[in-house]
Amino acid sequence: MTWILTNIWTIVVALILIAIVTLIIIKLIKDKKKGKSSCGCNCGSCPMSGSCHSAQKK
């Protein structure tokens, strides 16, 4: 119990970070299922624009 009380703020920060990362991953998975891209789709300034979305264009 002493260890928990000594490190309570470290534990709280770690739990907050885990929650944030989990929410980001859930959003990415939902966007992927909806067919959205995580790259932002600003292909005009991307050097890989010719190969990134070539499967969708076909």
PDB file of N, CA and C in Angstrom:
ATOM      1  N   MET A   1       0.824  -1.189   0.000  1.00  0.00           N
ATOM      2  CA  MET A   1       0.000   0.000   0.000  1.00  0.00           C
ATOM      3  C   MET A   1       0.867   1.251   0.000  1.00  0.00           C
ATOM      4  N   THR A   2       1.999   1.185   0.639  1.00  0.00           N
ATOM      5  CA  THR A   2       2.902   2.338   0.675  1.00  0.00           C
ATOM      6  C   THR A   2       3.431   2.646  -0.709  1.00  0.00           C
ATOM      7  N   TRP A   3       3.730   1.617  -1.480  1.00  0.00           N
ATOM      8  CA  TRP A   3       4.247   1.824  -2.835  1.00  0.00           C
ATOM      9  C   TRP A   3       3.219   2.555  -3.699  1.00  0.00           C
ATOM     10  N   ILE A   4       1.958   2.168  -3.567  1.00  0.00           N
ATOM     11  CA  ILE A   4       0.892   2.804  -4.342  1.00  0.00           C
ATOM     12  C   ILE A   4       0.759   4.275  -3.953  1.00  0.00           C
ATOM     13  N   LEU A   5       0.784   4.559  -2.684  1.00  0.00           N
ATOM     14  CA  LEU A   5       0.670   5.944  -2.232  1.00  0.00           C
ATOM     15  C   LEU A   5       1.876   6.778  -2.652  1.00  0.00           C
ATOM     16  N   THR A   6       3.031   6.167  -2.683  1.00  0.00           N
ATOM     17  CA  THR A   6       4.243   6.880  -3.090  1.00  0.00           C
ATOM     18  C   THR A   6       4.216   7.208  -4.575  1.00  0.00           C
ATOM     19  N   ASN A   7       3.663   6.335  -5.380  1.00  0.00           N
ATOM     20  CA  ASN A   7       3.670   6.493  -6.835  1.00  0.00           C
ATOM     21  C   ASN A   7       2.299   6.806  -7.417  1.00  0.00           C
ATOM     22  N   ILE A   8       1.407   7.391  -6.654  1.00  0.00           N
ATOM     23  CA  ILE A   8       0.043   7.610  -7.111  1.00  0.00           C
ATOM     24  C   ILE A   8      -0.017   8.494  -8.341  1.00  0.00           C
ATOM     25  N   TRP A   9       0.779   9.548  -8.412  1.00  0.00           N
ATOM     26  CA  TRP A   9       0.712  10.460  -9.563  1.00  0.00           C
ATOM     27  C   TRP A   9       1.285   9.815 -10.814  1.00  0.00           C
ATOM     28  N   THR A  10       2.275   8.977 -10.655  1.00  0.00           N
ATOM     29  CA  THR A  10       2.808   8.238 -11.802  1.00  0.00           C
ATOM     30  C   THR A  10       1.759   7.276 -12.341  1.00  0.00           C
ATOM     31  N   ILE A  11       1.044   6.627 -11.450  1.00  0.00           N
ATOM     32  CA  ILE A  11      -0.011   5.701 -11.841  1.00  0.00           C
ATOM     33  C   ILE A  11      -1.145   6.455 -12.534  1.00  0.00           C
ATOM     34  N   VAL A  12      -1.534   7.611 -12.000  1.00  0.00           N
ATOM     35  CA  VAL A  12      -2.611   8.403 -12.591  1.00  0.00           C
ATOM     36  C   VAL A  12      -2.230   8.861 -13.993  1.00  0.00           C
ATOM     37  N   VAL A  13      -1.022   9.378 -14.166  1.00  0.00           N
ATOM     38  CA  VAL A  13      -0.562   9.836 -15.479  1.00  0.00           C
ATOM     39  C   VAL A  13      -0.496   8.665 -16.457  1.00  0.00           C
ATOM     40  N   ALA A  14      -0.019   7.523 -16.013  1.00  0.00           N
ATOM     41  CA  ALA A  14       0.056   6.345 -16.880  1.00  0.00           C
ATOM     42  C   ALA A  14      -1.347   5.907 -17.316  1.00  0.00           C
ATOM     43  N   LEU A  15      -2.310   5.915 -16.417  1.00  0.00           N
ATOM     44  CA  LEU A  15      -3.685   5.542 -16.763  1.00  0.00           C
ATOM     45  C   LEU A  15      -4.304   6.530 -17.753  1.00  0.00           C
ATOM     46  N   ILE A  16      -4.016   7.814 -17.577  1.00  0.00           N
ATOM     47  CA  ILE A  16      -4.518   8.821 -18.511  1.00  0.00           C
ATOM     48  C   ILE A  16      -3.922   8.597 -19.897  1.00  0.00           C
ATOM     49  N   LEU A  17      -2.618   8.348 -19.956  1.00  0.00           N
ATOM     50  CA  LEU A  17      -1.969   8.100 -21.249  1.00  0.00           C
ATOM     51  C   LEU A  17      -2.495   6.832 -21.917  1.00  0.00           C
ATOM     52  N   ILE A  18      -2.720   5.796 -21.144  1.00  0.00           N
ATOM     53  CA  ILE A  18      -3.277   4.557 -21.689  1.00  0.00           C
ATOM     54  C   ILE A  18      -4.681   4.817 -22.245  1.00  0.00           C
ATOM     55  N   ALA A  19      -5.476   5.614 -21.538  1.00  0.00           N
ATOM     56  CA  ALA A  19      -6.825   5.935 -22.007  1.00  0.00           C
ATOM     57  C   ALA A  19      -6.780   6.727 -23.312  1.00  0.00           C
ATOM     58  N   ILE A  20      -5.869   7.695 -23.415  1.00  0.00           N
ATOM     59  CA  ILE A  20      -5.743   8.498 -24.630  1.00  0.00           C
ATOM     60  C   ILE A  20      -5.331   7.630 -25.812  1.00  0.00           C
ATOM     61  N   VAL A  21      -4.338   6.787 -25.620  1.00  0.00           N
ATOM     62  CA  VAL A  21      -3.874   5.911 -26.697  1.00  0.00           C
ATOM     63  C   VAL A  21      -4.978   4.948 -27.112  1.00  0.00           C
ATOM     64  N   THR A  22      -5.719   4.428 -26.161  1.00  0.00           N
ATOM     65  CA  THR A  22      -6.823   3.521 -26.462  1.00  0.00           C
ATOM     66  C   THR A  22      -7.896   4.226 -27.293  1.00  0.00           C
ATOM     67  N   LEU A  23      -8.233   5.458 -26.933  1.00  0.00           N
ATOM     68  CA  LEU A  23      -9.231   6.208 -27.694  1.00  0.00           C
ATOM     69  C   LEU A  23      -8.753   6.504 -29.113  1.00  0.00           C
ATOM     70  N   ILE A  24      -7.480   6.805 -29.271  1.00  0.00           N
ATOM     71  CA  ILE A  24      -6.923   7.050 -30.604  1.00  0.00           C
ATOM     72  C   ILE A  24      -6.999   5.785 -31.453  1.00  0.00           C
ATOM     73  N   ILE A  25      -6.636   4.661 -30.874  1.00  0.00           N
ATOM     74  CA  ILE A  25      -6.680   3.399 -31.610  1.00  0.00           C
ATOM     75  C   ILE A  25      -8.117   3.051 -31.992  1.00  0.00           C
ATOM     76  N   ILE A  26      -9.070   3.256 -31.093  1.00  0.00           N
ATOM     77  CA  ILE A  26     -10.478   2.985 -31.400  1.00  0.00           C
ATOM     78  C   ILE A  26     -10.953   3.868 -32.546  1.00  0.00           C
ATOM     79  N   LYS A  27     -10.575   5.150 -32.528  1.00  0.00           N
ATOM     80  CA  LYS A  27     -10.974   6.051 -33.606  1.00  0.00           C
ATOM     81  C   LYS A  27     -10.355   5.625 -34.934  1.00  0.00           C
ATOM     82  N   LEU A  28      -9.106   5.220 -34.935  1.00  0.00           N
ATOM     83  CA  LEU A  28      -8.461   4.761 -36.166  1.00  0.00           C
ATOM     84  C   LEU A  28      -9.150   3.512 -36.720  1.00  0.00           C
ATOM     85  N   ILE A  29      -9.536   2.606 -35.844  1.00  0.00           N
ATOM     86  CA  ILE A  29     -10.217   1.385 -36.279  1.00  0.00           C
ATOM     87  C   ILE A  29     -11.588   1.727 -36.865  1.00  0.00           C
ATOM     88  N   LYS A  30     -12.334   2.626 -36.198  1.00  0.00           N
ATOM     89  CA  LYS A  30     -13.642   3.027 -36.719  1.00  0.00           C
ATOM     90  C   LYS A  30     -13.500   3.723 -38.071  1.00  0.00           C
ATOM     91  N   ASP A  31     -12.497   4.602 -38.198  1.00  0.00           N
ATOM     92  CA  ASP A  31     -12.276   5.294 -39.468  1.00  0.00           C
ATOM     93  C   ASP A  31     -11.896   4.313 -40.567  1.00  0.00           C
ATOM     94  N   LYS A  32     -11.109   3.316 -40.230  1.00  0.00           N
ATOM     95  CA  LYS A  32     -10.701   2.307 -41.210  1.00  0.00           C
ATOM     96  C   LYS A  32     -11.920   1.520 -41.702  1.00  0.00           C
ATOM     97  N   LYS A  33     -12.829   1.175 -40.793  1.00  0.00           N
ATOM     98  CA  LYS A  33     -14.035   0.444 -41.165  1.00  0.00           C
ATOM     99  C   LYS A  33     -14.950   1.292 -42.045  1.00  0.00           C
ATOM    100  N   LYS A  34     -14.933   2.616 -41.845  1.00  0.00           N
ATOM    101  CA  LYS A  34     -15.750   3.515 -42.654  1.00  0.00           C
ATOM    102  C   LYS A  34     -15.096   3.832 -43.993  1.00  0.00           C
ATOM    103  N   GLY A  35     -13.854   3.393 -44.174  1.00  0.00           N
ATOM    104  CA  GLY A  35     -13.154   3.638 -45.425  1.00  0.00           C
ATOM    105  C   GLY A  35     -12.368   4.926 -45.447  1.00  0.00           C
ATOM    106  N   LYS A  36     -12.259   5.581 -44.321  1.00  0.00           N
ATOM    107  CA  LYS A  36     -11.496   6.822 -44.247  1.00  0.00           C
ATOM    108  C   LYS A  36     -10.014   6.497 -44.139  1.00  0.00           C
ATOM    109  N   SER A  37      -9.192   7.426 -44.601  1.00  0.00           N
ATOM    110  CA  SER A  37      -7.753   7.245 -44.537  1.00  0.00           C
ATOM    111  C   SER A  37      -7.193   8.036 -43.360  1.00  0.00           C
ATOM    112  N   SER A  38      -6.147   7.554 -42.758  1.00  0.00           N
ATOM    113  CA  SER A  38      -5.537   8.254 -41.634  1.00  0.00           C
ATOM    114  C   SER A  38      -4.467   9.243 -42.069  1.00  0.00           C
ATOM    115  N   CYS A  39      -4.198   9.304 -43.363  1.00  0.00           N
ATOM    116  CA  CYS A  39      -3.124  10.179 -43.840  1.00  0.00           C
ATOM    117  C   CYS A  39      -3.576  11.611 -44.049  1.00  0.00           C
ATOM    118  N   GLY A  40      -4.870  11.889 -44.103  1.00  0.00           N
ATOM    119  CA  GLY A  40      -5.368  13.227 -44.318  1.00  0.00           C
ATOM    120  C   GLY A  40      -5.772  13.481 -45.752  1.00  0.00           C
ATOM    121  N   CYS A  41      -5.324  12.641 -46.666  1.00  0.00           N
ATOM    122  CA  CYS A  41      -5.692  12.685 -48.079  1.00  0.00           C
ATOM    123  C   CYS A  41      -5.371  14.004 -48.763  1.00  0.00           C
ATOM    124  N   ASN A  42      -4.322  14.674 -48.354  1.00  0.00           N
ATOM    125  CA  ASN A  42      -3.853  15.859 -49.054  1.00  0.00           C
ATOM    126  C   ASN A  42      -2.750  15.396 -49.986  1.00  0.00           C
ATOM    127  N   CYS A  43      -3.126  14.697 -51.038  1.00  0.00           N
ATOM    128  CA  CYS A  43      -2.171  14.021 -51.900  1.00  0.00           C
ATOM    129  C   CYS A  43      -1.394  14.979 -52.801  1.00  0.00           C
ATOM    130  N   GLY A  44      -1.830  16.223 -52.906  1.00  0.00           N
ATOM    131  CA  GLY A  44      -1.137  17.168 -53.771  1.00  0.00           C
ATOM    132  C   GLY A  44       0.274  17.472 -53.308  1.00  0.00           C
ATOM    133  N   SER A  45       0.512  17.420 -52.021  1.00  0.00           N
ATOM    134  CA  SER A  45       1.840  17.735 -51.499  1.00  0.00           C
ATOM    135  C   SER A  45       2.599  16.497 -51.036  1.00  0.00           C
ATOM    136  N   CYS A  46       2.061  15.322 -51.304  1.00  0.00           N
ATOM    137  CA  CYS A  46       2.683  14.084 -50.845  1.00  0.00           C
ATOM    138  C   CYS A  46       3.542  13.478 -51.954  1.00  0.00           C
ATOM    139  N   PRO A  47       4.799  13.135 -51.658  1.00  0.00           N
ATOM    140  CA  PRO A  47       5.638  12.531 -52.678  1.00  0.00           C
ATOM    141  C   PRO A  47       5.207  11.114 -53.061  1.00  0.00           C
ATOM    142  N   MET A  48       4.388  10.467 -52.256  1.00  0.00           N
ATOM    143  CA  MET A  48       3.914   9.110 -52.535  1.00  0.00           C
ATOM    144  C   MET A  48       2.494   9.113 -53.098  1.00  0.00           C
ATOM    145  N   SER A  49       2.030  10.248 -53.594  1.00  0.00           N
ATOM    146  CA  SER A  49       0.627  10.357 -54.016  1.00  0.00           C
ATOM    147  C   SER A  49       0.266   9.405 -55.150  1.00  0.00           C
ATOM    148  N   GLY A  50       1.226   9.030 -55.971  1.00  0.00           N
ATOM    149  CA  GLY A  50       0.929   8.128 -57.071  1.00  0.00           C
ATOM    150  C   GLY A  50       0.713   6.689 -56.645  1.00  0.00           C
ATOM    151  N   SER A  51       1.262   6.296 -55.515  1.00  0.00           N
ATOM    152  CA  SER A  51       1.159   4.898 -55.108  1.00  0.00           C
ATOM    153  C   SER A  51       0.312   4.691 -53.861  1.00  0.00           C
ATOM    154  N   CYS A  52       0.038   5.704 -53.121  1.00  0.00           N
ATOM    155  CA  CYS A  52      -0.670   5.567 -51.847  1.00  0.00           C
ATOM    156  C   CYS A  52      -2.112   5.110 -52.047  1.00  0.00           C
ATOM    157  N   HIS A  53      -2.836   5.765 -52.930  1.00  0.00           N
ATOM    158  CA  HIS A  53      -4.254   5.471 -53.103  1.00  0.00           C
ATOM    159  C   HIS A  53      -4.538   4.847 -54.466  1.00  0.00           C
ATOM    160  N   SER A  54      -3.565   4.167 -55.013  1.00  0.00           N
ATOM    161  CA  SER A  54      -3.756   3.591 -56.335  1.00  0.00           C
ATOM    162  C   SER A  54      -4.792   2.472 -56.333  1.00  0.00           C
ATOM    163  N   ALA A  55      -4.952   1.756 -55.248  1.00  0.00           N
ATOM    164  CA  ALA A  55      -5.932   0.669 -55.178  1.00  0.00           C
ATOM    165  C   ALA A  55      -7.358   1.215 -55.205  1.00  0.00           C
ATOM    166  N   GLN A  56      -7.579   2.396 -54.643  1.00  0.00           N
ATOM    167  CA  GLN A  56      -8.908   2.987 -54.630  1.00  0.00           C
ATOM    168  C   GLN A  56      -9.289   3.537 -55.998  1.00  0.00           C
ATOM    169  N   LYS A  57      -8.304   3.960 -56.786  1.00  0.00           N
ATOM    170  CA  LYS A  57      -8.572   4.548 -58.084  1.00  0.00           C
ATOM    171  C   LYS A  57      -8.964   3.504 -59.113  1.00  0.00           C
ATOM    172  N   LYS A  58      -8.588   2.253 -58.911  1.00  0.00           N
ATOM    173  CA  LYS A  58      -8.848   1.196 -59.893  1.00  0.00           C
ATOM    174  C   LYS A  58     -10.252   0.737 -59.880  1.00  0.00           C
TER     175      LYS A  58
END
